Amino acid sequence: MSTKPKTAALRVVTGEVLDPTPRRDRVRLHSIDDIRLELGRVYNDMRDGSLDPSDGTKFAYVLGQMVRIFETRELEQRTEALERALRAQLTKD
């Protein structure tokens, strides 16, 4: 007796656990250079048709936001270092 496979919607209604949707391997994004490389991969994937441009655009947007976060943090760290150096100089005088 052959049974027809259940659709995903029916499996949800009946409370069955669905397999997770396939996704790319996790990508290391711990530096500006990591993000730059990933942005290049996204661009190349869109160019060769292996990534839908609407998805690629979303990935590129998020990667751009991550770059801004890294840049802001870098500026914060530099500002804090300058303030510490200035305080140290003022306390010496």
Protein backbone atom coordinates (compact mmCIF):
# COMPACT_ATOMS: atom_id res chain seq x y z
CA MET A 1 0.00 0.00 0.00
CA SER A 2 1.56 3.25 -1.15
CA THR A 3 0.81 6.41 0.75
CA LYS A 4 1.16 9.82 -0.69
CA PRO A 5 3.78 11.98 1.09
CA LYS A 6 2.25 14.67 3.26
CA THR A 7 2.73 18.27 2.26
CA ALA A 8 4.68 20.56 4.59
CA ALA A 9 1.45 22.36 5.50
CA LEU A 10 -0.24 19.09 6.46
CA ARG A 11 2.79 18.02 8.47
CA VAL A 12 2.57 21.29 10.42
CA VAL A 13 -1.16 20.79 11.09
CA THR A 14 -0.60 17.25 12.32
CA GLY A 15 2.23 18.40 14.59
CA GLU A 16 5.03 16.55 12.85
CA VAL A 17 8.52 17.98 13.05
CA LEU A 18 9.72 19.40 9.75
CA ASP A 19 13.27 19.11 8.54
CA PRO A 20 15.06 22.42 8.77
CA THR A 21 15.28 24.33 5.54
CA PRO A 22 18.59 23.83 3.82
CA ARG A 23 21.04 26.69 4.28
CA ARG A 24 24.58 27.52 3.45
CA ASP A 25 27.25 26.62 5.92
CA ARG A 26 27.77 29.21 8.58
CA VAL A 27 30.20 31.88 7.50
CA ARG A 28 32.85 33.39 9.73
CA LEU A 29 32.14 37.13 9.89
CA HIS A 30 34.49 38.32 12.63
CA SER A 31 36.33 41.03 10.74
CA ILE A 32 35.89 43.55 7.96
CA ASP A 33 37.97 41.26 5.75
CA ASP A 34 35.63 38.31 6.44
CA ILE A 35 32.67 40.49 5.46
CA ARG A 36 34.47 41.73 2.35
CA LEU A 37 35.11 38.15 1.23
CA GLU A 38 31.50 37.11 1.89
CA LEU A 39 30.21 40.13 0.00
CA GLY A 40 32.37 39.04 -2.94
CA ARG A 41 30.91 35.53 -2.76
CA VAL A 42 27.37 36.92 -2.71
CA TYR A 43 28.17 39.09 -5.74
CA ASN A 44 29.71 36.18 -7.64
CA ASP A 45 26.78 33.90 -6.76
CA MET A 46 24.34 36.48 -8.12
CA ARG A 47 26.44 36.88 -11.28
CA ASP A 48 26.57 33.15 -12.00
CA GLY A 49 22.87 32.67 -11.23
CA SER A 50 23.30 30.41 -8.21
CA LEU A 51 21.77 33.08 -5.94
CA ASP A 52 18.57 34.93 -6.72
CA PRO A 53 19.37 38.66 -7.00
CA SER A 54 16.58 39.60 -4.58
CA ASP A 55 18.11 37.32 -1.93
CA GLY A 56 21.61 38.50 -2.77
CA THR A 57 20.56 42.11 -2.38
CA LYS A 58 19.21 41.35 1.09
CA PHE A 59 22.44 39.58 2.07
CA ALA A 60 24.49 42.49 0.71
CA TYR A 61 22.40 44.96 2.72
CA VAL A 62 22.92 43.03 5.96
CA LEU A 63 26.64 42.69 5.24
CA GLY A 64 26.80 46.45 4.64
CA GLN A 65 25.15 47.04 8.00
CA MET A 66 27.72 44.77 9.63
CA VAL A 67 30.52 46.82 8.06
CA ARG A 68 29.01 49.97 9.55
CA ILE A 69 28.89 48.32 12.98
CA PHE A 70 32.56 47.31 12.72
CA GLU A 71 33.50 50.83 11.58
CA THR A 72 31.58 52.43 14.45
CA ARG A 73 33.19 50.12 16.99
CA GLU A 74 36.64 50.88 15.57
CA LEU A 75 35.99 54.63 15.90
CA GLU A 76 34.73 54.14 19.46
CA GLN A 77 37.87 52.22 20.42
CA ARG A 78 40.13 54.86 18.87
CA THR A 79 38.24 57.67 20.59
CA GLU A 80 38.46 55.89 23.95
CA ALA A 81 42.22 55.38 23.47
CA LEU A 82 42.72 59.06 22.64
CA GLU A 83 40.68 60.13 25.66
CA ARG A 84 42.73 57.85 27.94
CA ALA A 85 45.96 59.22 26.51
CA LEU A 86 44.75 62.81 26.94
CA ARG A 87 43.70 62.16 30.56
CA ALA A 88 47.06 60.55 31.27
CA GLN A 89 48.86 63.54 29.75
CA LEU A 90 46.76 66.02 31.75
CA THR A 91 47.39 64.23 35.04
CA LYS A 92 51.17 64.29 34.40
CA ASP A 93 51.24 68.07 33.97
